[in-house]
């Protein structure tokens, strides 16, 4: 692995590189956008919504499942929200539901406990339990258990990558059962965050951060992956995506890594609500592939 260039930086530069809002004027604009578009999505798909489907004992071990009209079985897509493991929820994650429903794809917004109530290792395992539950019960909501894909943005991109590193035989699967994974502006080496404000509620030390970093336990076998980031992001977010993709290719994974023009860390994921967007078309192509 290449030298950890971030170790030579002072805290100010490190925090700037790992603060996505350093590339925008006002983060509140995007949080408002998540809220408003997700509320509209939930309203538009109200008759298709199975709300608060429980997958575990924790208060936030729940998911919202949007099921298309018809008999199915339908492909299933699971979205894992971002927020640096300490913000947001499934309620801000329904913005893309109408588009997926229109394409006859089940859309699931997965929730999880946030820091500091949960540690990062606990969040990873909770998310994994949620995904395993979906894989094993997809037929209960007209889903095709043989066509389950995942995506995640920012911290959700990290969690989605962690899902790829699951010990599948330990959960009753011979190999990775996922159809595809879309990793949007993820963090794949968590160690730099230990030395930033992001770590205040996380409470990570470097050994734990390394153990929670997808870069350090890459899967031997993976579903096809799409790794992407916005043009208007910091150099570190771009580097992390590119480094992770190269490492996955070296392990034999297939897929693409690409930059999306114009968009930033926060609005890039909104491309999933547009059927004609490059991001959605690439994901749908993997979902529909034989």
C-alpha atoms as a PDB file:
ATOM      1  CA  UNK A   1       0.000   0.000   0.000  1.00  0.00           C
ATOM      2  CA  UNK A   2       1.243   3.489  -0.820  1.00  0.00           C
ATOM      3  CA  UNK A   3       2.579   5.823   1.836  1.00  0.00           C
ATOM      4  CA  UNK A   4      -0.074   7.378   4.068  1.00  0.00           C
ATOM      5  CA  UNK A   5       0.315  10.934   2.764  1.00  0.00           C
ATOM      6  CA  UNK A   6      -2.236  12.233   5.251  1.00  0.00           C
ATOM      7  CA  UNK A   7       0.173  11.575   8.136  1.00  0.00           C
ATOM      8  CA  UNK A   8       2.281  14.528   6.991  1.00  0.00           C
ATOM      9  CA  UNK A   9      -0.607  16.980   7.225  1.00  0.00           C
ATOM     10  CA  UNK A  10      -1.540  19.235  10.104  1.00  0.00           C
ATOM     11  CA  UNK A  11      -4.987  18.896  11.663  1.00  0.00           C
ATOM     12  CA  UNK A  12      -6.368  21.872   9.740  1.00  0.00           C
ATOM     13  CA  UNK A  13      -5.571  20.337   6.351  1.00  0.00           C
ATOM     14  CA  UNK A  14      -6.705  16.885   7.436  1.00  0.00           C
ATOM     15  CA  UNK A  15     -10.053  18.216   8.620  1.00  0.00           C
ATOM     16  CA  UNK A  16     -10.519  20.236   5.439  1.00  0.00           C
ATOM     17  CA  UNK A  17      -9.876  17.183   3.255  1.00  0.00           C
ATOM     18  CA  UNK A  18     -12.282  15.038   5.268  1.00  0.00           C
ATOM     19  CA  UNK A  19     -14.955  17.715   5.563  1.00  0.00           C
ATOM     20  CA  UNK A  20     -17.169  17.356   2.473  1.00  0.00           C
ATOM     21  CA  UNK A  21     -18.813  20.675   3.281  1.00  0.00           C
ATOM     22  CA  UNK A  22     -15.498  22.435   2.575  1.00  0.00           C
ATOM     23  CA  UNK A  23     -16.440  22.216  -1.126  1.00  0.00           C
ATOM     24  CA  UNK A  24     -19.886  23.814  -0.797  1.00  0.00           C
ATOM     25  CA  UNK A  25     -21.399  27.017   0.543  1.00  0.00           C
ATOM     26  CA  UNK A  26     -24.079  25.713   2.896  1.00  0.00           C
ATOM     27  CA  UNK A  27     -24.722  22.111   3.924  1.00  0.00           C
ATOM     28  CA  UNK A  28     -28.186  23.022   5.223  1.00  0.00           C
ATOM     29  CA  UNK A  29     -29.345  23.432   1.619  1.00  0.00           C
ATOM     30  CA  UNK A  30     -28.626  19.759   0.950  1.00  0.00           C
ATOM     31  CA  UNK A  31     -30.071  18.471   4.214  1.00  0.00           C
ATOM     32  CA  UNK A  32     -33.257  20.372   3.366  1.00  0.00           C
ATOM     33  CA  UNK A  33     -33.196  18.800  -0.095  1.00  0.00           C
ATOM     34  CA  UNK A  34     -32.877  15.291   1.395  1.00  0.00           C
ATOM     35  CA  UNK A  35     -35.794  15.978   3.726  1.00  0.00           C
ATOM     36  CA  UNK A  36     -38.111  17.519   1.160  1.00  0.00           C
ATOM     37  CA  UNK A  37     -37.465  15.049  -1.660  1.00  0.00           C
ATOM     38  CA  UNK A  38     -37.684  12.078   0.703  1.00  0.00           C
ATOM     39  CA  UNK A  39     -40.991  13.343   2.110  1.00  0.00           C
ATOM     40  CA  UNK A  40     -42.308  13.712  -1.439  1.00  0.00           C
ATOM     41  CA  UNK A  41     -41.044  10.242  -2.278  1.00  0.00           C
ATOM     42  CA  UNK A  42     -42.800   8.709   0.706  1.00  0.00           C
ATOM     43  CA  UNK A  43     -46.015  10.549  -0.171  1.00  0.00           C
ATOM     44  CA  UNK A  44     -45.863   9.531  -3.833  1.00  0.00           C
ATOM     45  CA  UNK A  45     -45.240   5.891  -2.914  1.00  0.00           C
ATOM     46  CA  UNK A  46     -47.440   5.706   0.184  1.00  0.00           C
ATOM     47  CA  UNK A  47     -49.465   2.752  -1.092  1.00  0.00           C
ATOM     48  CA  UNK A  48     -46.250   0.886  -1.918  1.00  0.00           C
ATOM     49  CA  UNK A  49     -44.559   1.489   1.453  1.00  0.00           C
ATOM     50  CA  UNK A  50     -43.992  -1.097   4.151  1.00  0.00           C
ATOM     51  CA  UNK A  51     -42.739   1.206   6.901  1.00  0.00           C
ATOM     52  CA  UNK A  52     -40.531   0.321   9.851  1.00  0.00           C
ATOM     53  CA  UNK A  53     -39.961  -3.317   8.964  1.00  0.00           C
ATOM     54  CA  UNK A  54     -37.918  -4.633  11.866  1.00  0.00           C
ATOM     55  CA  UNK A  55     -34.690  -6.599  11.413  1.00  0.00           C
ATOM     56  CA  UNK A  56     -33.267  -6.490  14.944  1.00  0.00           C
ATOM     57  CA  UNK A  57     -33.907  -5.460  18.561  1.00  0.00           C
ATOM     58  CA  UNK A  58     -32.337  -1.986  18.436  1.00  0.00           C
ATOM     59  CA  UNK A  59     -34.710   0.968  18.072  1.00  0.00           C
ATOM     60  CA  UNK A  60     -33.227   1.850  14.695  1.00  0.00           C
ATOM     61  CA  UNK A  61     -32.964  -1.706  13.409  1.00  0.00           C
ATOM     62  CA  UNK A  62     -35.752  -0.942  10.968  1.00  0.00           C
ATOM     63  CA  UNK A  63     -36.133  -0.367   7.247  1.00  0.00           C
ATOM     64  CA  UNK A  64     -38.644   1.171   4.883  1.00  0.00           C
ATOM     65  CA  UNK A  65     -39.508  -1.149   1.989  1.00  0.00           C
ATOM     66  CA  UNK A  66     -41.055   0.283  -1.179  1.00  0.00           C
ATOM     67  CA  UNK A  67     -42.624  -2.480  -3.293  1.00  0.00           C
ATOM     68  CA  UNK A  68     -43.775  -1.959  -6.910  1.00  0.00           C
ATOM     69  CA  UNK A  69     -47.279  -2.860  -7.995  1.00  0.00           C
ATOM     70  CA  UNK A  70     -47.596  -6.346  -9.432  1.00  0.00           C
ATOM     71  CA  UNK A  71     -46.796  -9.894  -8.475  1.00  0.00           C
ATOM     72  CA  UNK A  72     -43.008  -9.921  -8.675  1.00  0.00           C
ATOM     73  CA  UNK A  73     -40.576 -11.273  -7.876  1.00  0.00           C
ATOM     74  CA  UNK A  74     -38.784  -7.944  -8.220  1.00  0.00           C
ATOM     75  CA  UNK A  75     -35.097  -7.057  -7.981  1.00  0.00           C
ATOM     76  CA  UNK A  76     -34.255  -5.579  -4.577  1.00  0.00           C
ATOM     77  CA  UNK A  77     -32.067  -2.532  -4.012  1.00  0.00           C
ATOM     78  CA  UNK A  78     -30.865  -1.577  -0.524  1.00  0.00           C
ATOM     79  CA  UNK A  79     -29.713   1.998   0.136  1.00  0.00           C
ATOM     80  CA  UNK A  80     -27.487   2.745   3.154  1.00  0.00           C
ATOM     81  CA  UNK A  81     -27.481   6.402   4.143  1.00  0.00           C
ATOM     82  CA  UNK A  82     -24.490   8.557   5.004  1.00  0.00           C
ATOM     83  CA  UNK A  83     -23.962  11.198   7.679  1.00  0.00           C
ATOM     84  CA  UNK A  84     -20.520  10.202   9.010  1.00  0.00           C
ATOM     85  CA  UNK A  85     -22.167   7.439  11.091  1.00  0.00           C
ATOM     86  CA  UNK A  86     -23.621  10.142  13.363  1.00  0.00           C
ATOM     87  CA  UNK A  87     -26.353  11.911  11.367  1.00  0.00           C
ATOM     88  CA  UNK A  88     -29.391  11.257   9.143  1.00  0.00           C
ATOM     89  CA  UNK A  89     -31.704   8.250   8.949  1.00  0.00           C
ATOM     90  CA  UNK A  90     -33.928   6.278   6.620  1.00  0.00           C
ATOM     91  CA  UNK A  91     -36.412   9.165   6.690  1.00  0.00           C
ATOM     92  CA  UNK A  92     -34.012  11.277   4.596  1.00  0.00           C
ATOM     93  CA  UNK A  93     -33.302   8.330   2.303  1.00  0.00           C
ATOM     94  CA  UNK A  94     -36.567   7.892   0.381  1.00  0.00           C
ATOM     95  CA  UNK A  95     -35.767  10.413  -2.366  1.00  0.00           C
ATOM     96  CA  UNK A  96     -34.985   7.710  -4.940  1.00  0.00           C
ATOM     97  CA  UNK A  97     -37.893   5.414  -4.083  1.00  0.00           C
ATOM     98  CA  UNK A  98     -40.225   6.711  -6.850  1.00  0.00           C
ATOM     99  CA  UNK A  99     -37.646   6.090  -9.566  1.00  0.00           C
ATOM    100  CA  UNK A 100     -36.878   2.543  -8.428  1.00  0.00           C
ATOM    101  CA  UNK A 101     -40.581   1.745  -8.053  1.00  0.00           C
ATOM    102  CA  UNK A 102     -41.220   3.052 -11.568  1.00  0.00           C
ATOM    103  CA  UNK A 103     -38.551   0.661 -12.868  1.00  0.00           C
ATOM    104  CA  UNK A 104     -40.119  -2.289 -10.995  1.00  0.00           C
ATOM    105  CA  UNK A 105     -37.275  -2.488  -8.472  1.00  0.00           C
ATOM    106  CA  UNK A 106     -37.931  -2.763  -4.744  1.00  0.00           C
ATOM    107  CA  UNK A 107     -36.230   0.100  -2.895  1.00  0.00           C
ATOM    108  CA  UNK A 108     -35.209  -0.344   0.742  1.00  0.00           C
ATOM    109  CA  UNK A 109     -33.968   2.476   2.971  1.00  0.00           C
ATOM    110  CA  UNK A 110     -32.015   0.779   5.760  1.00  0.00           C
ATOM    111  CA  UNK A 111     -31.658   2.446   9.145  1.00  0.00           C
ATOM    112  CA  UNK A 112     -29.003   1.869  11.809  1.00  0.00           C
ATOM    113  CA  UNK A 113     -28.031   3.201  15.234  1.00  0.00           C
ATOM    114  CA  UNK A 114     -25.830   6.299  15.157  1.00  0.00           C
ATOM    115  CA  UNK A 115     -22.705   7.223  17.115  1.00  0.00           C
ATOM    116  CA  UNK A 116     -22.136   7.865  19.955  1.00  0.00           C
ATOM    117  CA  UNK A 117     -24.967   5.523  20.947  1.00  0.00           C
ATOM    118  CA  UNK A 118     -23.303   2.790  18.885  1.00  0.00           C
ATOM    119  CA  UNK A 119     -19.638   2.224  18.086  1.00  0.00           C
ATOM    120  CA  UNK A 120     -18.468   1.823  14.511  1.00  0.00           C
ATOM    121  CA  UNK A 121     -17.949  -1.948  14.887  1.00  0.00           C
ATOM    122  CA  UNK A 122     -21.499  -2.187  16.245  1.00  0.00           C
ATOM    123  CA  UNK A 123     -22.885  -0.109  13.358  1.00  0.00           C
ATOM    124  CA  UNK A 124     -21.148  -2.357  10.829  1.00  0.00           C
ATOM    125  CA  UNK A 125     -22.528  -5.528  12.387  1.00  0.00           C
ATOM    126  CA  UNK A 126     -26.005  -4.041  12.760  1.00  0.00           C
ATOM    127  CA  UNK A 127     -26.022  -3.065   9.079  1.00  0.00           C
ATOM    128  CA  UNK A 128     -24.829  -6.556   8.181  1.00  0.00           C
ATOM    129  CA  UNK A 129     -27.682  -8.117  10.145  1.00  0.00           C
ATOM    130  CA  UNK A 130     -30.083  -5.890   8.235  1.00  0.00           C
ATOM    131  CA  UNK A 131     -28.692  -6.968   4.886  1.00  0.00           C
ATOM    132  CA  UNK A 132     -28.708 -10.655   5.831  1.00  0.00           C
ATOM    133  CA  UNK A 133     -32.322 -10.310   6.926  1.00  0.00           C
ATOM    134  CA  UNK A 134     -33.222  -8.848   3.528  1.00  0.00           C
ATOM    135  CA  UNK A 135     -31.394 -11.611   1.676  1.00  0.00           C
ATOM    136  CA  UNK A 136     -33.193 -14.294   3.671  1.00  0.00           C
ATOM    137  CA  UNK A 137     -36.690 -12.766   3.694  1.00  0.00           C
ATOM    138  CA  UNK A 138     -36.904 -10.943   0.340  1.00  0.00           C
ATOM    139  CA  UNK A 139     -39.647 -13.311  -0.805  1.00  0.00           C
ATOM    140  CA  UNK A 140     -41.869 -11.992   1.998  1.00  0.00           C
ATOM    141  CA  UNK A 141     -42.226  -8.669   0.144  1.00  0.00           C
ATOM    142  CA  UNK A 142     -42.212  -9.994  -3.439  1.00  0.00           C
ATOM    143  CA  UNK A 143     -38.448  -9.638  -3.756  1.00  0.00           C
ATOM    144  CA  UNK A 144     -36.076 -11.831  -5.718  1.00  0.00           C
ATOM    145  CA  UNK A 145     -33.441 -13.083  -3.228  1.00  0.00           C
ATOM    146  CA  UNK A 146     -31.194 -13.865  -6.184  1.00  0.00           C
ATOM    147  CA  UNK A 147     -31.156 -10.223  -7.283  1.00  0.00           C
ATOM    148  CA  UNK A 148     -30.289  -8.046  -4.302  1.00  0.00           C
ATOM    149  CA  UNK A 149     -28.022  -5.043  -4.856  1.00  0.00           C
ATOM    150  CA  UNK A 150     -26.750  -2.410  -2.445  1.00  0.00           C
ATOM    151  CA  UNK A 151     -25.618   1.188  -2.525  1.00  0.00           C
ATOM    152  CA  UNK A 152     -24.353   3.657   0.014  1.00  0.00           C
ATOM    153  CA  UNK A 153     -23.265   7.265   0.083  1.00  0.00           C
ATOM    154  CA  UNK A 154     -20.369   8.647   2.163  1.00  0.00           C
ATOM    155  CA  UNK A 155     -20.503   6.703   5.453  1.00  0.00           C
ATOM    156  CA  UNK A 156     -23.057   4.530   3.688  1.00  0.00           C
ATOM    157  CA  UNK A 157     -20.455   3.854   1.009  1.00  0.00           C
ATOM    158  CA  UNK A 158     -18.130   2.659   3.751  1.00  0.00           C
ATOM    159  CA  UNK A 159     -20.826   0.423   5.207  1.00  0.00           C
ATOM    160  CA  UNK A 160     -21.706  -0.982   1.784  1.00  0.00           C
ATOM    161  CA  UNK A 161     -18.035  -1.836   1.222  1.00  0.00           C
ATOM    162  CA  UNK A 162     -17.965  -3.516   4.624  1.00  0.00           C
ATOM    163  CA  UNK A 163     -20.912  -5.627   3.504  1.00  0.00           C
ATOM    164  CA  UNK A 164     -18.838  -6.878   0.563  1.00  0.00           C
ATOM    165  CA  UNK A 165     -16.267  -8.154   3.067  1.00  0.00           C
ATOM    166  CA  UNK A 166     -18.829 -10.274   4.910  1.00  0.00           C
ATOM    167  CA  UNK A 167     -17.849 -13.831   5.827  1.00  0.00           C
ATOM    168  CA  UNK A 168     -20.682 -15.225   3.734  1.00  0.00           C
ATOM    169  CA  UNK A 169     -20.315 -18.922   4.685  1.00  0.00           C
ATOM    170  CA  UNK A 170     -20.722 -17.930   8.333  1.00  0.00           C
ATOM    171  CA  UNK A 171     -24.178 -16.617   7.396  1.00  0.00           C
ATOM    172  CA  UNK A 172     -25.167 -19.636   5.327  1.00  0.00           C
ATOM    173  CA  UNK A 173     -24.116 -18.464   1.850  1.00  0.00           C
ATOM    174  CA  UNK A 174     -21.550 -20.255  -0.294  1.00  0.00           C
ATOM    175  CA  UNK A 175     -20.262 -16.970  -1.751  1.00  0.00           C
ATOM    176  CA  UNK A 176     -21.257 -13.328  -2.130  1.00  0.00           C
ATOM    177  CA  UNK A 177     -25.006 -13.418  -2.865  1.00  0.00           C
ATOM    178  CA  UNK A 178     -25.241  -9.795  -4.003  1.00  0.00           C
ATOM    179  CA  UNK A 179     -25.925  -8.840  -7.610  1.00  0.00           C
ATOM    180  CA  UNK A 180     -24.091  -5.495  -7.521  1.00  0.00           C
ATOM    181  CA  UNK A 181     -22.796  -2.744  -5.254  1.00  0.00           C
ATOM    182  CA  UNK A 182     -22.663   1.009  -5.843  1.00  0.00           C
ATOM    183  CA  UNK A 183     -20.240   2.874  -3.564  1.00  0.00           C
ATOM    184  CA  UNK A 184     -20.722   6.649  -3.686  1.00  0.00           C
ATOM    185  CA  UNK A 185     -18.081   8.968  -2.191  1.00  0.00           C
ATOM    186  CA  UNK A 186     -17.163   6.429   0.450  1.00  0.00           C
ATOM    187  CA  UNK A 187     -14.495   6.276   3.139  1.00  0.00           C
ATOM    188  CA  UNK A 188     -12.539   3.056   2.720  1.00  0.00           C
ATOM    189  CA  UNK A 189      -9.601   3.807   5.040  1.00  0.00           C
ATOM    190  CA  UNK A 190     -11.056   5.162   8.274  1.00  0.00           C
ATOM    191  CA  UNK A 191      -7.722   5.837  10.004  1.00  0.00           C
ATOM    192  CA  UNK A 192      -7.347   9.503   8.944  1.00  0.00           C
ATOM    193  CA  UNK A 193     -10.644  10.335  10.643  1.00  0.00           C
ATOM    194  CA  UNK A 194      -9.194   9.419  14.034  1.00  0.00           C
ATOM    195  CA  UNK A 195      -7.319  12.718  13.957  1.00  0.00           C
ATOM    196  CA  UNK A 196     -10.302  14.921  13.013  1.00  0.00           C
ATOM    197  CA  UNK A 197     -13.468  16.342  14.545  1.00  0.00           C
ATOM    198  CA  UNK A 198     -15.395  13.502  12.901  1.00  0.00           C
ATOM    199  CA  UNK A 199     -14.002  11.180  15.564  1.00  0.00           C
ATOM    200  CA  UNK A 200     -15.448  13.111  18.515  1.00  0.00           C
ATOM    201  CA  UNK A 201     -18.646  11.010  18.700  1.00  0.00           C
ATOM    202  CA  UNK A 202     -17.022   7.914  17.198  1.00  0.00           C
ATOM    203  CA  UNK A 203     -14.229   7.548  19.750  1.00  0.00           C
ATOM    204  CA  UNK A 204     -12.018   5.484  17.455  1.00  0.00           C
ATOM    205  CA  UNK A 205      -8.387   4.624  18.032  1.00  0.00           C
ATOM    206  CA  UNK A 206      -6.204   3.686  15.068  1.00  0.00           C
ATOM    207  CA  UNK A 207      -6.317  -0.104  15.574  1.00  0.00           C
ATOM    208  CA  UNK A 208     -10.115  -0.037  15.670  1.00  0.00           C
ATOM    209  CA  UNK A 209     -10.246   2.329  12.699  1.00  0.00           C
ATOM    210  CA  UNK A 210      -8.034  -0.040  10.721  1.00  0.00           C
ATOM    211  CA  UNK A 211     -10.202  -3.010  11.687  1.00  0.00           C
ATOM    212  CA  UNK A 212     -13.232  -1.059  10.429  1.00  0.00           C
ATOM    213  CA  UNK A 213     -11.593  -0.085   7.122  1.00  0.00           C
ATOM    214  CA  UNK A 214     -12.648  -2.016   3.996  1.00  0.00           C
ATOM    215  CA  UNK A 215      -9.197  -1.380   2.499  1.00  0.00           C
ATOM    216  CA  UNK A 216      -7.666  -3.714   5.073  1.00  0.00           C
ATOM    217  CA  UNK A 217      -9.964  -6.715   4.611  1.00  0.00           C
ATOM    218  CA  UNK A 218     -10.832  -6.878   0.945  1.00  0.00           C
ATOM    219  CA  UNK A 219     -13.048  -9.788  -0.100  1.00  0.00           C
ATOM    220  CA  UNK A 220     -11.569 -12.631  -2.114  1.00  0.00           C
ATOM    221  CA  UNK A 221     -14.725 -12.753  -4.208  1.00  0.00           C
ATOM    222  CA  UNK A 222     -17.115  -9.883  -4.863  1.00  0.00           C
ATOM    223  CA  UNK A 223     -20.126  -8.962  -6.931  1.00  0.00           C
ATOM    224  CA  UNK A 224     -19.547  -6.332  -9.656  1.00  0.00           C
ATOM    225  CA  UNK A 225     -18.960  -2.885  -8.184  1.00  0.00           C
ATOM    226  CA  UNK A 226     -19.416   0.729  -9.214  1.00  0.00           C
ATOM    227  CA  UNK A 227     -17.276   3.252  -7.347  1.00  0.00           C
ATOM    228  CA  UNK A 228     -17.984   6.911  -7.947  1.00  0.00           C
ATOM    229  CA  UNK A 229     -17.473  10.415  -6.583  1.00  0.00           C
ATOM    230  CA  UNK A 230     -18.346  13.967  -7.578  1.00  0.00           C
ATOM    231  CA  UNK A 231     -16.215  16.448  -9.448  1.00  0.00           C
ATOM    232  CA  UNK A 232     -16.627  18.944  -6.608  1.00  0.00           C
ATOM    233  CA  UNK A 233     -15.159  16.847  -3.814  1.00  0.00           C
ATOM    234  CA  UNK A 234     -11.913  16.988  -1.888  1.00  0.00           C
ATOM    235  CA  UNK A 235      -8.819  15.263  -3.207  1.00  0.00           C
ATOM    236  CA  UNK A 236      -8.918  12.748  -0.348  1.00  0.00           C
ATOM    237  CA  UNK A 237     -12.418  11.532  -1.098  1.00  0.00           C
ATOM    238  CA  UNK A 238     -11.413  11.047  -4.729  1.00  0.00           C
ATOM    239  CA  UNK A 239      -8.174   9.287  -3.779  1.00  0.00           C
ATOM    240  CA  UNK A 240      -9.902   6.948  -1.357  1.00  0.00           C
ATOM    241  CA  UNK A 241     -12.382   5.822  -4.011  1.00  0.00           C
ATOM    242  CA  UNK A 242      -9.671   5.294  -6.612  1.00  0.00           C
ATOM    243  CA  UNK A 243      -7.386   3.424  -4.198  1.00  0.00           C
ATOM    244  CA  UNK A 244     -10.194   1.134  -3.080  1.00  0.00           C
ATOM    245  CA  UNK A 245     -11.246   0.372  -6.638  1.00  0.00           C
ATOM    246  CA  UNK A 246      -7.686  -0.473  -7.693  1.00  0.00           C
ATOM    247  CA  UNK A 247      -7.325  -2.749  -4.676  1.00  0.00           C
ATOM    248  CA  UNK A 248     -10.588  -4.501  -5.509  1.00  0.00           C
ATOM    249  CA  UNK A 249      -9.517  -4.984  -9.122  1.00  0.00           C
ATOM    250  CA  UNK A 250      -6.313  -6.597  -7.870  1.00  0.00           C
ATOM    251  CA  UNK A 251      -8.521  -9.039  -5.946  1.00  0.00           C
ATOM    252  CA  UNK A 252     -10.343  -9.936  -9.129  1.00  0.00           C
ATOM    253  CA  UNK A 253     -13.436  -7.761  -8.815  1.00  0.00           C
ATOM    254  CA  UNK A 254     -15.060  -6.307 -11.918  1.00  0.00           C
ATOM    255  CA  UNK A 255     -16.659  -2.920 -12.355  1.00  0.00           C
ATOM    256  CA  UNK A 256     -15.963   0.750 -12.909  1.00  0.00           C
ATOM    257  CA  UNK A 257     -14.629   3.759 -11.029  1.00  0.00           C
ATOM    258  CA  UNK A 258     -15.606   7.148 -12.379  1.00  0.00           C
ATOM    259  CA  UNK A 259     -16.033  10.811 -11.518  1.00  0.00           C
ATOM    260  CA  UNK A 260     -19.407  12.440 -12.105  1.00  0.00           C
ATOM    261  CA  UNK A 261     -19.120  15.996 -13.439  1.00  0.00           C
ATOM    262  CA  UNK A 262     -20.590  19.060 -11.716  1.00  0.00           C
ATOM    263  CA  UNK A 263     -21.970  17.284  -8.624  1.00  0.00           C
ATOM    264  CA  UNK A 264     -20.578  17.390  -5.076  1.00  0.00           C
ATOM    265  CA  UNK A 265     -20.476  15.024  -2.103  1.00  0.00           C
ATOM    266  CA  UNK A 266     -24.065  15.792  -1.141  1.00  0.00           C
ATOM    267  CA  UNK A 267     -26.055  16.034  -4.358  1.00  0.00           C
ATOM    268  CA  UNK A 268     -24.337  13.200  -6.246  1.00  0.00           C
ATOM    269  CA  UNK A 269     -26.650  10.616  -4.703  1.00  0.00           C
ATOM    270  CA  UNK A 270     -29.688  12.515  -6.006  1.00  0.00           C
ATOM    271  CA  UNK A 271     -28.759  11.130  -9.420  1.00  0.00           C
ATOM    272  CA  UNK A 272     -30.401   7.894  -8.301  1.00  0.00           C
ATOM    273  CA  UNK A 273     -33.791   9.591  -8.548  1.00  0.00           C
ATOM    274  CA  UNK A 274     -33.329  10.292 -12.257  1.00  0.00           C
ATOM    275  CA  UNK A 275     -33.952   7.361 -14.610  1.00  0.00           C
ATOM    276  CA  UNK A 276     -31.860   9.004 -17.330  1.00  0.00           C
ATOM    277  CA  UNK A 277     -28.843   9.763 -15.130  1.00  0.00           C
ATOM    278  CA  UNK A 278     -25.540   8.052 -15.841  1.00  0.00           C
ATOM    279  CA  UNK A 279     -25.348   6.774 -12.274  1.00  0.00           C
ATOM    280  CA  UNK A 280     -28.755   5.129 -12.305  1.00  0.00           C
ATOM    281  CA  UNK A 281     -28.315   3.701 -15.803  1.00  0.00           C
ATOM    282  CA  UNK A 282     -25.037   2.035 -14.841  1.00  0.00           C
ATOM    283  CA  UNK A 283     -26.563   0.587 -11.684  1.00  0.00           C
ATOM    284  CA  UNK A 284     -29.686  -0.606 -13.466  1.00  0.00           C
ATOM    285  CA  UNK A 285     -27.566  -2.282 -16.146  1.00  0.00           C
ATOM    286  CA  UNK A 286     -25.908  -4.407 -13.454  1.00  0.00           C
ATOM    287  CA  UNK A 287     -29.246  -5.172 -11.823  1.00  0.00           C
ATOM    288  CA  UNK A 288     -30.681  -6.315 -15.170  1.00  0.00           C
ATOM    289  CA  UNK A 289     -27.598  -8.254 -16.260  1.00  0.00           C
ATOM    290  CA  UNK A 290     -27.752 -12.013 -16.665  1.00  0.00           C
END
